[in-house]
Amino acid sequence: MAELSELGLSSYEEKAYRTLLVTGAVTAAELSATSGVPKGRIYDVLNGLEARKLIWRQSNDPNRYAAVQPETVVDRLLTERAYELKHEWDRYCEKANTVRSNLLPTPPTESSFWLGSLGSDEMSTALQQHMRTAENVVKAAVGPPYEEATWETLQSEVEGFFEGTTADLSVALLFSEKAVTLLPDRFPHLIENQPADITVKTTPEIALSFDIVDNVETTIDIPHPVSGNDRVGVIGIKDSQVVSKFDQYFQRLWNNAVPLLE
């Protein structure tokens, strides 16, 4: 028991307890004189140790105090620390959940619209989480407003998209010819390093950017009405008829598109 303080005892509590191991049962005054714990603090120290069942009191006149066996004391202190760490862990988990939810743009309860400009950290994180909901197939069309942006602006969103994919996914990625000009030379290498099965094609023109996840949800980028190289945000729709129409539109584009990477 070289370092009882690391298991939760104060310096005075450790002095008092160690002294009792040597002296056996003694009065508070005797313990104060022997241990060096001030008389003004000795009763607080003894009451604290007794409350934690690390010492016990003999009801004599005056009261005498004795130490509980070291093995028992260490076990009790360890149990206290484990209890405190469990509560600390629970507190941190609760904080982490709060932080995690605050990092993502939260849709209002009456709609599924997220405000977010191109390349923003919030939307990149949201895109990553959105992709993680996919189980089988993702179809993504990249056109306006990405066409007027730069790769530096788009990079975080592209990386967020790929970070959300898994090896079980099949991804059909369709770029407009104008959007293709934004892609860096290393883009083929970026695709090759992804766990998902990714097919990339290009088509002359795409009316707007959107994706379809497992044929049950589509998210649509809403171009900014003033700034042509940005967007207002993203709207998510799960209505089956709307999703079906976007899927049909995607399939028409895909069937007439040409492979970008071969």
Protein backbone atom coordinates (compact mmCIF):
# COMPACT_ATOMS: atom_id res chain seq x y z
CA MET A 1 0.00 0.00 0.00
CA ALA A 2 2.72 2.43 -0.98
CA GLU A 3 0.33 5.01 -2.42
CA LEU A 4 -3.04 5.03 -0.69
CA SER A 5 -3.58 8.57 -1.95
CA GLU A 6 -3.92 7.20 -5.48
CA LEU A 7 -6.82 5.11 -4.26
CA GLY A 8 -8.62 8.10 -2.82
CA LEU A 9 -7.24 8.91 0.65
CA SER A 10 -6.15 12.41 1.59
CA SER A 11 -2.69 12.90 3.08
CA TYR A 12 -4.14 13.24 6.60
CA GLU A 13 -6.33 10.17 6.12
CA GLU A 14 -3.35 8.16 4.95
CA LYS A 15 -1.23 9.34 7.90
CA ALA A 16 -3.96 8.43 10.36
CA TYR A 17 -4.61 5.03 8.85
CA ARG A 18 -0.93 4.07 8.60
CA THR A 19 -0.38 5.14 12.20
CA LEU A 20 -3.29 2.99 13.41
CA LEU A 21 -1.73 -0.02 11.70
CA VAL A 22 1.31 0.46 13.91
CA THR A 23 -0.24 1.62 17.20
CA GLY A 24 -3.37 -0.47 17.30
CA ALA A 25 -6.44 1.01 19.00
CA VAL A 26 -5.79 4.55 20.32
CA THR A 27 -7.75 7.65 21.23
CA ALA A 28 -8.13 10.57 18.87
CA ALA A 29 -5.74 12.68 20.93
CA GLU A 30 -3.12 9.92 20.95
CA LEU A 31 -3.49 9.42 17.21
CA SER A 32 -3.11 13.15 16.56
CA ALA A 33 0.10 13.29 18.58
CA THR A 34 1.54 10.17 16.95
CA SER A 35 0.48 10.71 13.35
CA GLY A 36 1.05 14.44 13.05
CA VAL A 37 -2.54 15.11 12.02
CA PRO A 38 -3.54 18.43 13.70
CA LYS A 39 -5.95 18.22 16.63
CA GLY A 40 -8.31 20.54 14.79
CA ARG A 41 -8.57 18.02 11.93
CA ILE A 42 -8.29 14.66 13.63
CA TYR A 43 -12.01 14.09 14.26
CA ASP A 44 -12.97 15.02 10.71
CA VAL A 45 -10.35 12.58 9.44
CA LEU A 46 -11.51 9.80 11.77
CA ASN A 47 -15.19 10.35 10.94
CA GLY A 48 -14.38 10.19 7.24
CA LEU A 49 -12.40 6.97 7.56
CA GLU A 50 -15.08 5.41 9.76
CA ALA A 51 -17.86 6.38 7.33
CA ARG A 52 -15.97 4.59 4.57
CA LYS A 53 -15.49 1.54 6.83
CA LEU A 54 -11.70 1.82 6.75
CA ILE A 55 -11.38 2.04 10.55
CA TRP A 56 -13.67 1.07 13.41
CA ARG A 57 -14.42 2.63 16.77
CA GLN A 58 -14.37 0.94 20.15
CA SER A 59 -17.07 2.47 22.35
CA ASN A 60 -14.96 3.12 25.40
CA ASP A 61 -14.53 6.20 27.49
CA PRO A 62 -12.83 7.81 25.67
CA ASN A 63 -13.45 6.25 22.25
CA ARG A 64 -10.57 4.38 20.71
CA TYR A 65 -10.00 3.80 17.00
CA ALA A 66 -8.49 0.82 15.20
CA ALA A 67 -7.59 0.10 11.58
CA VAL A 68 -9.49 -2.37 9.39
CA GLN A 69 -7.23 -4.99 7.78
CA PRO A 70 -5.24 -3.59 4.81
CA GLU A 71 -6.56 -6.16 2.31
CA THR A 72 -10.13 -5.13 3.09
CA VAL A 73 -9.27 -1.44 2.95
CA VAL A 74 -7.65 -1.73 -0.47
CA ASP A 75 -10.64 -3.66 -1.82
CA ARG A 76 -13.06 -1.05 -0.49
CA LEU A 77 -11.06 1.84 -1.93
CA LEU A 78 -10.85 0.06 -5.26
CA THR A 79 -14.62 -0.45 -5.26
CA GLU A 80 -15.08 3.27 -4.59
CA ARG A 81 -12.82 4.18 -7.50
CA ALA A 82 -14.61 1.76 -9.84
CA TYR A 83 -17.96 3.26 -8.88
CA GLU A 84 -16.68 6.79 -9.49
CA LEU A 85 -15.12 5.83 -12.83
CA LYS A 86 -18.38 4.18 -13.95
CA HIS A 87 -20.30 7.36 -13.22
CA GLU A 88 -17.58 9.43 -14.88
CA TRP A 89 -17.74 7.20 -17.96
CA ASP A 90 -21.53 7.54 -18.10
CA ARG A 91 -21.19 11.32 -17.81
CA TYR A 92 -18.67 11.45 -20.66
CA CYS A 93 -20.88 9.22 -22.83
CA GLU A 94 -23.80 11.57 -22.23
CA LYS A 95 -21.60 14.56 -23.10
CA ALA A 96 -20.35 12.79 -26.24
CA ASN A 97 -23.90 12.11 -27.40
CA THR A 98 -24.77 15.75 -26.87
CA VAL A 99 -21.70 16.94 -28.75
CA ARG A 100 -22.32 14.47 -31.56
CA SER A 101 -25.89 15.65 -32.03
CA ASN A 102 -24.80 19.29 -31.91
CA LEU A 103 -22.20 18.71 -34.63
CA LEU A 104 -24.85 17.55 -37.08
CA PRO A 105 -27.39 19.90 -38.60
CA THR A 106 -30.69 18.91 -37.02
CA PRO A 107 -33.70 18.98 -39.29
CA PRO A 108 -36.78 20.78 -37.94
CA THR A 109 -39.52 18.41 -36.82
CA GLU A 110 -41.89 19.69 -39.50
CA SER A 111 -39.49 19.14 -42.42
CA SER A 112 -36.30 17.48 -43.60
CA PHE A 113 -34.33 20.49 -44.66
CA TRP A 114 -30.74 21.17 -43.64
CA LEU A 115 -29.10 24.53 -44.15
CA GLY A 116 -25.51 24.17 -45.30
CA SER A 117 -23.19 25.72 -47.85
CA LEU A 118 -20.90 23.68 -50.09
CA GLY A 119 -17.84 22.31 -48.32
CA SER A 120 -18.99 23.23 -44.81
CA ASP A 121 -17.84 20.96 -41.98
CA GLU A 122 -21.42 20.49 -40.78
CA MET A 123 -22.63 19.25 -44.13
CA SER A 124 -19.59 17.04 -44.64
CA THR A 125 -20.32 15.35 -41.32
CA ALA A 126 -24.01 15.10 -42.16
CA LEU A 127 -23.18 13.53 -45.53
CA GLN A 128 -20.96 10.96 -43.84
CA GLN A 129 -23.74 10.04 -41.39
CA HIS A 130 -26.27 9.97 -44.23
CA MET A 131 -24.15 7.47 -46.16
CA ARG A 132 -23.85 5.26 -43.09
CA THR A 133 -27.60 4.70 -43.21
CA ALA A 134 -27.19 2.96 -46.58
CA GLU A 135 -27.28 -0.83 -46.55
CA ASN A 136 -27.25 -1.86 -50.21
CA VAL A 137 -27.27 0.73 -53.00
CA VAL A 138 -26.44 4.41 -53.33
CA LYS A 139 -26.98 6.34 -56.54
CA ALA A 140 -25.56 9.86 -56.64
CA ALA A 141 -25.80 12.49 -59.38
CA VAL A 142 -23.36 15.41 -59.20
CA GLY A 143 -24.25 18.52 -61.18
CA PRO A 144 -25.29 22.04 -60.13
CA PRO A 145 -24.33 23.73 -57.86
CA TYR A 146 -21.08 21.73 -57.66
CA GLU A 147 -20.19 22.61 -61.25
CA GLU A 148 -19.30 26.21 -60.36
CA ALA A 149 -17.28 25.34 -57.25
CA THR A 150 -13.65 24.24 -56.85
CA TRP A 151 -12.17 20.93 -55.78
CA GLU A 152 -10.89 22.59 -52.61
CA THR A 153 -14.49 23.46 -51.74
CA LEU A 154 -15.83 20.02 -52.58
CA GLN A 155 -13.06 17.88 -51.13
CA SER A 156 -14.42 17.62 -47.58
CA GLU A 157 -17.86 16.57 -48.84
CA VAL A 158 -16.41 14.00 -51.24
CA GLU A 159 -14.29 12.58 -48.42
CA GLY A 160 -17.31 12.56 -46.10
CA PHE A 161 -19.29 10.69 -48.76
CA PHE A 162 -16.63 8.01 -49.09
CA GLU A 163 -15.97 7.75 -45.35
CA GLY A 164 -19.60 6.79 -44.88
CA THR A 165 -19.43 3.88 -47.33
CA THR A 166 -18.83 0.25 -46.42
CA ALA A 167 -17.68 -2.84 -48.31
CA ASP A 168 -21.30 -4.03 -48.58
CA LEU A 169 -22.39 -1.04 -50.63
CA SER A 170 -22.81 -0.72 -54.39
CA VAL A 171 -22.34 2.91 -55.42
CA ALA A 172 -23.28 4.41 -58.78
CA LEU A 173 -21.63 7.82 -59.06
CA LEU A 174 -22.68 10.04 -61.97
CA PHE A 175 -20.93 13.33 -62.83
CA SER A 176 -21.95 15.96 -65.31
CA GLU A 177 -19.22 16.76 -67.83
CA LYS A 178 -18.76 20.18 -66.22
CA ALA A 179 -18.41 18.65 -62.74
CA VAL A 180 -15.78 16.22 -64.04
CA THR A 181 -13.47 19.17 -64.78
CA LEU A 182 -13.27 19.82 -61.02
CA LEU A 183 -11.89 16.38 -60.19
CA PRO A 184 -8.17 16.14 -59.39
CA ASP A 185 -5.78 13.79 -61.18
CA ARG A 186 -5.71 11.56 -58.12
CA PHE A 187 -9.47 10.95 -58.24
CA PRO A 188 -9.14 7.45 -59.82
CA HIS A 189 -6.76 6.48 -57.02
CA LEU A 190 -9.23 7.85 -54.48
CA ILE A 191 -11.96 5.63 -55.93
CA GLU A 192 -9.72 2.54 -55.95
CA ASN A 193 -9.01 2.92 -52.23
CA GLN A 194 -12.67 2.84 -51.19
CA PRO A 195 -14.19 -0.30 -49.63
CA ALA A 196 -17.45 -0.05 -51.57
CA ASP A 197 -18.05 -1.28 -55.13
CA ILE A 198 -18.03 2.08 -56.95
CA THR A 199 -18.88 2.66 -60.60
CA VAL A 200 -18.34 6.15 -62.02
CA LYS A 201 -19.91 7.52 -65.19
CA THR A 202 -20.29 10.92 -66.83
CA THR A 203 -23.14 12.48 -68.73
CA PRO A 204 -23.33 15.80 -70.60
CA GLU A 205 -25.79 17.49 -68.28
CA ILE A 206 -27.52 16.96 -64.93
CA ALA A 207 -30.39 19.24 -63.89
CA LEU A 208 -29.55 19.17 -60.19
CA SER A 209 -27.53 17.14 -57.70
CA PHE A 210 -29.20 14.41 -55.65
CA ASP A 211 -28.69 10.93 -54.27
CA ILE A 212 -30.90 7.92 -53.66
CA VAL A 213 -30.23 5.56 -50.76
CA ASP A 214 -31.57 2.01 -50.93
CA ASN A 215 -34.47 3.31 -53.07
CA VAL A 216 -36.16 4.58 -49.90
CA GLU A 217 -34.80 8.11 -49.54
CA THR A 218 -33.51 10.85 -51.78
CA THR A 219 -31.62 13.98 -50.76
CA ILE A 220 -31.58 16.95 -53.11
CA ASP A 221 -29.15 19.87 -53.17
CA ILE A 222 -30.96 23.20 -53.41
CA PRO A 223 -28.88 25.72 -55.43
CA HIS A 224 -28.45 29.16 -53.92
CA PRO A 225 -30.77 31.67 -55.64
CA VAL A 226 -28.08 34.37 -55.74
CA SER A 227 -24.72 32.60 -55.66
CA GLY A 228 -24.51 30.10 -58.50
CA ASN A 229 -21.49 28.34 -57.00
CA ASP A 230 -23.18 27.48 -53.72
CA ARG A 231 -26.35 25.94 -52.32
CA VAL A 232 -28.89 26.91 -49.70
CA GLY A 233 -28.99 23.44 -48.18
CA VAL A 234 -30.19 19.88 -48.67
CA ILE A 235 -33.70 18.50 -48.49
CA GLY A 236 -34.38 14.87 -47.61
CA ILE A 237 -37.48 13.08 -48.93
CA LYS A 238 -38.77 9.59 -48.11
CA ASP A 239 -42.05 9.76 -50.00
CA SER A 240 -42.00 6.63 -52.19
CA GLN A 241 -43.48 8.36 -55.24
CA VAL A 242 -40.91 11.15 -55.15
CA VAL A 243 -38.05 8.70 -54.59
CA SER A 244 -39.31 6.59 -57.51
CA LYS A 245 -39.37 9.60 -59.87
CA PHE A 246 -35.82 10.55 -58.97
CA ASP A 247 -34.72 6.95 -59.40
CA GLN A 248 -36.27 6.86 -62.87
CA TYR A 249 -34.53 10.12 -63.76
CA PHE A 250 -31.22 8.75 -62.52
CA GLN A 251 -31.64 5.52 -64.50
CA ARG A 252 -32.29 7.45 -67.73
CA LEU A 253 -29.13 9.47 -67.18
CA TRP A 254 -27.13 6.40 -66.17
CA ASN A 255 -28.18 4.32 -69.15
CA ASN A 256 -26.96 7.02 -71.56
CA ALA A 257 -23.81 7.87 -69.60
CA VAL A 258 -20.29 6.71 -70.40
CA PRO A 259 -17.75 5.24 -67.97
CA LEU A 260 -15.39 7.78 -66.48
CA LEU A 261 -12.84 5.32 -65.15
CA GLU A 262 -11.83 2.23 -67.10
